[in-house]
PDB file of all heavy atoms in Angstrom:
ATOM      1  N   ALA A   1     -14.690  78.319   0.524  1.00  0.00           N
ATOM      2  CA  ALA A   1     -14.956  76.896   0.298  1.00  0.00           C
ATOM      3  C   ALA A   1     -14.623  76.072   1.537  1.00  0.00           C
ATOM      4  O   ALA A   1     -15.375  75.164   1.918  1.00  0.00           O
ATOM      5  CB  ALA A   1     -14.159  76.393  -0.903  1.00  0.00           C
ATOM      6  N   ASP A   2     -13.508  76.385   2.171  1.00  0.00           N
ATOM      7  CA  ASP A   2     -13.121  75.655   3.378  1.00  0.00           C
ATOM      8  C   ASP A   2     -14.134  75.857   4.497  1.00  0.00           C
ATOM      9  O   ASP A   2     -14.397  74.933   5.280  1.00  0.00           O
ATOM     10  CB  ASP A   2     -11.735  76.095   3.848  1.00  0.00           C
ATOM     11  CG  ASP A   2     -10.619  75.600   2.930  1.00  0.00           C
ATOM     12  OD1 ASP A   2     -10.886  74.694   2.109  1.00  0.00           O
ATOM     13  OD2 ASP A   2      -9.486  76.125   3.032  1.00  0.00           O
ATOM     14  N   ALA A   3     -14.699  77.055   4.585  1.00  0.00           N
ATOM     15  CA  ALA A   3     -15.686  77.331   5.628  1.00  0.00           C
ATOM     16  C   ALA A   3     -16.957  76.509   5.416  1.00  0.00           C
ATOM     17  O   ALA A   3     -17.552  75.994   6.371  1.00  0.00           O
ATOM     18  CB  ALA A   3     -16.023  78.820   5.643  1.00  0.00           C
ATOM     19  N   VAL A   4     -17.365  76.383   4.151  1.00  0.00           N
ATOM     20  CA  VAL A   4     -18.544  75.567   3.841  1.00  0.00           C
ATOM     21  C   VAL A   4     -18.284  74.111   4.202  1.00  0.00           C
ATOM     22  O   VAL A   4     -19.093  73.461   4.875  1.00  0.00           O
ATOM     23  CB  VAL A   4     -18.912  75.683   2.352  1.00  0.00           C
ATOM     24  CG1 VAL A   4     -20.046  74.716   1.997  1.00  0.00           C
ATOM     25  CG2 VAL A   4     -19.310  77.112   2.016  1.00  0.00           C
ATOM     26  N   ARG A   5     -17.148  73.583   3.784  1.00  0.00           N
ATOM     27  CA  ARG A   5     -16.824  72.186   4.061  1.00  0.00           C
ATOM     28  C   ARG A   5     -16.646  71.932   5.558  1.00  0.00           C
ATOM     29  O   ARG A   5     -17.005  70.857   6.062  1.00  0.00           O
ATOM     30  CB  ARG A   5     -15.560  71.781   3.308  1.00  0.00           C
ATOM     31  CG  ARG A   5     -15.653  71.897   1.787  1.00  0.00           C
ATOM     32  CD  ARG A   5     -16.840  71.159   1.237  1.00  0.00           C
ATOM     33  NE  ARG A   5     -16.891  71.210  -0.229  1.00  0.00           N
ATOM     34  CZ  ARG A   5     -18.006  71.157  -0.929  1.00  0.00           C
ATOM     35  NH1 ARG A   5     -19.166  71.053  -0.308  1.00  0.00           N
ATOM     36  NH2 ARG A   5     -17.985  71.213  -2.243  1.00  0.00           N
ATOM     37  N   ALA A   6     -16.111  72.913   6.269  1.00  0.00           N
ATOM     38  CA  ALA A   6     -15.951  72.755   7.714  1.00  0.00           C
ATOM     39  C   ALA A   6     -17.310  72.648   8.397  1.00  0.00           C
ATOM     40  O   ALA A   6     -17.504  71.830   9.310  1.00  0.00           O
ATOM     41  CB  ALA A   6     -15.153  73.924   8.290  1.00  0.00           C
ATOM     42  N   ASP A   7     -18.260  73.469   7.976  1.00  0.00           N
ATOM     43  CA  ASP A   7     -19.622  73.371   8.524  1.00  0.00           C
ATOM     44  C   ASP A   7     -20.204  71.988   8.273  1.00  0.00           C
ATOM     45  O   ASP A   7     -20.849  71.394   9.150  1.00  0.00           O
ATOM     46  CB  ASP A   7     -20.524  74.419   7.867  1.00  0.00           C
ATOM     47  CG  ASP A   7     -20.410  75.786   8.511  1.00  0.00           C
ATOM     48  OD1 ASP A   7     -19.675  75.931   9.509  1.00  0.00           O
ATOM     49  OD2 ASP A   7     -21.067  76.728   8.010  1.00  0.00           O
ATOM     50  N   GLU A   8     -19.991  71.475   7.083  1.00  0.00           N
ATOM     51  CA  GLU A   8     -20.565  70.177   6.721  1.00  0.00           C
ATOM     52  C   GLU A   8     -19.913  69.040   7.504  1.00  0.00           C
ATOM     53  O   GLU A   8     -20.595  68.096   7.922  1.00  0.00           O
ATOM     54  CB  GLU A   8     -20.452  69.975   5.217  1.00  0.00           C
ATOM     55  CG  GLU A   8     -21.335  70.954   4.451  1.00  0.00           C
ATOM     56  CD  GLU A   8     -21.137  70.960   2.958  1.00  0.00           C
ATOM     57  OE1 GLU A   8     -20.073  70.482   2.486  1.00  0.00           O
ATOM     58  OE2 GLU A   8     -22.035  71.433   2.249  1.00  0.00           O
ATOM     59  N   ARG A   9     -18.613  69.121   7.734  1.00  0.00           N
ATOM     60  CA  ARG A   9     -17.947  68.107   8.556  1.00  0.00           C
ATOM     61  C   ARG A   9     -18.451  68.162   9.989  1.00  0.00           C
ATOM     62  O   ARG A   9     -18.646  67.128  10.640  1.00  0.00           O
ATOM     63  CB  ARG A   9     -16.427  68.317   8.515  1.00  0.00           C
ATOM     64  CG  ARG A   9     -15.776  67.918   7.195  1.00  0.00           C
ATOM     65  CD  ARG A   9     -14.269  67.840   7.346  1.00  0.00           C
ATOM     66  NE  ARG A   9     -13.692  69.118   7.746  1.00  0.00           N
ATOM     67  CZ  ARG A   9     -13.287  70.051   6.887  1.00  0.00           C
ATOM     68  NH1 ARG A   9     -13.413  69.856   5.578  1.00  0.00           N
ATOM     69  NH2 ARG A   9     -12.744  71.173   7.311  1.00  0.00           N
ATOM     70  N   GLU A  10     -18.663  69.385  10.470  1.00  0.00           N
ATOM     71  CA  GLU A  10     -19.155  69.536  11.842  1.00  0.00           C
ATOM     72  C   GLU A  10     -20.558  68.964  11.987  1.00  0.00           C
ATOM     73  O   GLU A  10     -20.897  68.347  12.996  1.00  0.00           O
ATOM     74  CB  GLU A  10     -19.136  71.013  12.233  1.00  0.00           C
ATOM     75  CG  GLU A  10     -19.194  71.239  13.721  1.00  0.00           C
ATOM     76  CD  GLU A  10     -18.761  72.651  14.112  1.00  0.00           C
ATOM     77  OE1 GLU A  10     -18.607  73.508  13.230  1.00  0.00           O
ATOM     78  OE2 GLU A  10     -18.595  72.868  15.320  1.00  0.00           O
ATOM     79  N   ALA A  11     -21.389  69.166  10.972  1.00  0.00           N
ATOM     80  CA  ALA A  11     -22.740  68.605  10.997  1.00  0.00           C
ATOM     81  C   ALA A  11     -22.674  67.091  11.106  1.00  0.00           C
ATOM     82  O   ALA A  11     -23.412  66.472  11.893  1.00  0.00           O
ATOM     83  CB  ALA A  11     -23.505  69.023   9.747  1.00  0.00           C
ATOM     84  N   ALA A  12     -21.784  66.475  10.325  1.00  0.00           N
ATOM     85  CA  ALA A  12     -21.638  65.025  10.366  1.00  0.00           C
ATOM     86  C   ALA A  12     -21.164  64.567  11.745  1.00  0.00           C
ATOM     87  O   ALA A  12     -21.651  63.556  12.282  1.00  0.00           O
ATOM     88  CB  ALA A  12     -20.663  64.566   9.291  1.00  0.00           C
ATOM     89  N   ALA A  13     -20.235  65.318  12.339  1.00  0.00           N
ATOM     90  CA  ALA A  13     -19.723  64.959  13.659  1.00  0.00           C
ATOM     91  C   ALA A  13     -20.807  65.051  14.730  1.00  0.00           C
ATOM     92  O   ALA A  13     -20.796  64.302  15.711  1.00  0.00           O
ATOM     93  CB  ALA A  13     -18.546  65.870  14.021  1.00  0.00           C
ATOM     94  N   LEU A  14     -21.747  65.952  14.535  1.00  0.00           N
ATOM     95  CA  LEU A  14     -22.838  66.119  15.496  1.00  0.00           C
ATOM     96  C   LEU A  14     -23.977  65.139  15.250  1.00  0.00           C
ATOM     97  O   LEU A  14     -24.939  65.099  16.023  1.00  0.00           O
ATOM     98  CB  LEU A  14     -23.369  67.550  15.439  1.00  0.00           C
ATOM     99  CG  LEU A  14     -22.432  68.637  15.984  1.00  0.00           C
ATOM    100  CD1 LEU A  14     -22.969  70.025  15.628  1.00  0.00           C
ATOM    101  CD2 LEU A  14     -22.288  68.503  17.498  1.00  0.00           C
ATOM    102  N   GLY A  15     -23.887  64.375  14.175  1.00  0.00           N
ATOM    103  CA  GLY A  15     -24.909  63.378  13.908  1.00  0.00           C
ATOM    104  C   GLY A  15     -26.053  63.856  13.040  1.00  0.00           C
ATOM    105  O   GLY A  15     -27.118  63.223  13.015  1.00  0.00           O
ATOM    106  N   ALA A  16     -25.866  64.963  12.319  1.00  0.00           N
ATOM    107  CA  ALA A  16     -26.921  65.489  11.461  1.00  0.00           C
ATOM    108  C   ALA A  16     -26.926  64.737  10.136  1.00  0.00           C
ATOM    109  O   ALA A  16     -26.035  64.913   9.320  1.00  0.00           O
ATOM    110  CB  ALA A  16     -26.710  66.981  11.213  1.00  0.00           C
ATOM    111  N   GLY A  17     -27.956  63.924   9.937  1.00  0.00           N
ATOM    112  CA  GLY A  17     -28.073  63.196   8.688  1.00  0.00           C
ATOM    113  C   GLY A  17     -28.916  63.924   7.672  1.00  0.00           C
ATOM    114  O   GLY A  17     -29.011  63.517   6.517  1.00  0.00           O
ATOM    115  N   GLY A  18     -29.562  64.997   8.086  1.00  0.00           N
ATOM    116  CA  GLY A  18     -30.408  65.791   7.209  1.00  0.00           C
ATOM    117  C   GLY A  18     -30.632  67.153   7.810  1.00  0.00           C
ATOM    118  O   GLY A  18     -30.169  67.451   8.923  1.00  0.00           O
ATOM    119  N   VAL A  19     -31.343  67.992   7.088  1.00  0.00           N
ATOM    120  CA  VAL A  19     -31.600  69.354   7.536  1.00  0.00           C
ATOM    121  C   VAL A  19     -33.080  69.693   7.325  1.00  0.00           C
ATOM    122  O   VAL A  19     -33.742  69.071   6.490  1.00  0.00           O
ATOM    123  CB  VAL A  19     -30.702  70.365   6.787  1.00  0.00           C
ATOM    124  CG1 VAL A  19     -29.286  70.304   7.302  1.00  0.00           C
ATOM    125  CG2 VAL A  19     -30.716  70.152   5.276  1.00  0.00           C
ATOM    126  N   PRO A  20     -33.576  70.684   8.114  1.00  0.00           N
ATOM    127  CA  PRO A  20     -32.834  71.555   9.035  1.00  0.00           C
ATOM    128  C   PRO A  20     -32.433  70.812  10.306  1.00  0.00           C
ATOM    129  O   PRO A  20     -33.102  69.887  10.746  1.00  0.00           O
ATOM    130  CB  PRO A  20     -33.835  72.675   9.350  1.00  0.00           C
ATOM    131  CG  PRO A  20     -35.171  72.006   9.223  1.00  0.00           C
ATOM    132  CD  PRO A  20     -35.019  71.046   8.078  1.00  0.00           C
ATOM    133  N   PHE A  21     -31.335  71.265  10.883  1.00  0.00           N
ATOM    134  CA  PHE A  21     -30.813  70.683  12.110  1.00  0.00           C
ATOM    135  C   PHE A  21     -30.415  71.835  13.029  1.00  0.00           C
ATOM    136  O   PHE A  21     -29.594  72.665  12.665  1.00  0.00           O
ATOM    137  CB  PHE A  21     -29.614  69.793  11.810  1.00  0.00           C
ATOM    138  CG  PHE A  21     -29.136  68.982  12.986  1.00  0.00           C
ATOM    139  CD1 PHE A  21     -29.889  67.919  13.458  1.00  0.00           C
ATOM    140  CD2 PHE A  21     -27.934  69.280  13.609  1.00  0.00           C
ATOM    141  CE1 PHE A  21     -29.451  67.155  14.544  1.00  0.00           C
ATOM    142  CE2 PHE A  21     -27.488  68.536  14.685  1.00  0.00           C
ATOM    143  CZ  PHE A  21     -28.249  67.466  15.163  1.00  0.00           C
ATOM    144  N   PHE A  22     -31.023  71.890  14.199  1.00  0.00           N
ATOM    145  CA  PHE A  22     -30.840  72.993  15.141  1.00  0.00           C
ATOM    146  C   PHE A  22     -30.056  72.494  16.354  1.00  0.00           C
ATOM    147  O   PHE A  22     -30.388  71.463  16.939  1.00  0.00           O
ATOM    148  CB  PHE A  22     -32.199  73.522  15.619  1.00  0.00           C
ATOM    149  CG  PHE A  22     -33.116  73.988  14.515  1.00  0.00           C
ATOM    150  CD1 PHE A  22     -33.812  73.068  13.734  1.00  0.00           C
ATOM    151  CD2 PHE A  22     -33.303  75.334  14.259  1.00  0.00           C
ATOM    152  CE1 PHE A  22     -34.669  73.483  12.713  1.00  0.00           C
ATOM    153  CE2 PHE A  22     -34.156  75.763  13.241  1.00  0.00           C
ATOM    154  CZ  PHE A  22     -34.837  74.831  12.471  1.00  0.00           C
ATOM    155  N   VAL A  23     -29.022  73.239  16.738  1.00  0.00           N
ATOM    156  CA  VAL A  23     -28.222  72.893  17.905  1.00  0.00           C
ATOM    157  C   VAL A  23     -28.228  74.078  18.859  1.00  0.00           C
ATOM    158  O   VAL A  23     -27.842  75.192  18.486  1.00  0.00           O
ATOM    159  CB  VAL A  23     -26.777  72.524  17.508  1.00  0.00           C
ATOM    160  CG1 VAL A  23     -25.938  72.259  18.760  1.00  0.00           C
ATOM    161  CG2 VAL A  23     -26.771  71.304  16.595  1.00  0.00           C
ATOM    162  N   LEU A  24     -28.674  73.840  20.071  1.00  0.00           N
ATOM    163  CA  LEU A  24     -28.818  74.897  21.066  1.00  0.00           C
ATOM    164  C   LEU A  24     -27.717  74.771  22.104  1.00  0.00           C
ATOM    165  O   LEU A  24     -27.664  73.769  22.846  1.00  0.00           O
ATOM    166  CB  LEU A  24     -30.182  74.826  21.753  1.00  0.00           C
ATOM    167  CG  LEU A  24     -31.409  75.132  20.882  1.00  0.00           C
ATOM    168  CD1 LEU A  24     -31.788  73.909  20.034  1.00  0.00           C
ATOM    169  CD2 LEU A  24     -32.600  75.554  21.739  1.00  0.00           C
TER     170      LEU A  24
END
């Protein structure tokens, strides 16, 4: 559960407001 939430927090920090979101 923590791993899922960590991914989601990281997405928000990177500015992802929706998906799919690709970071290279």
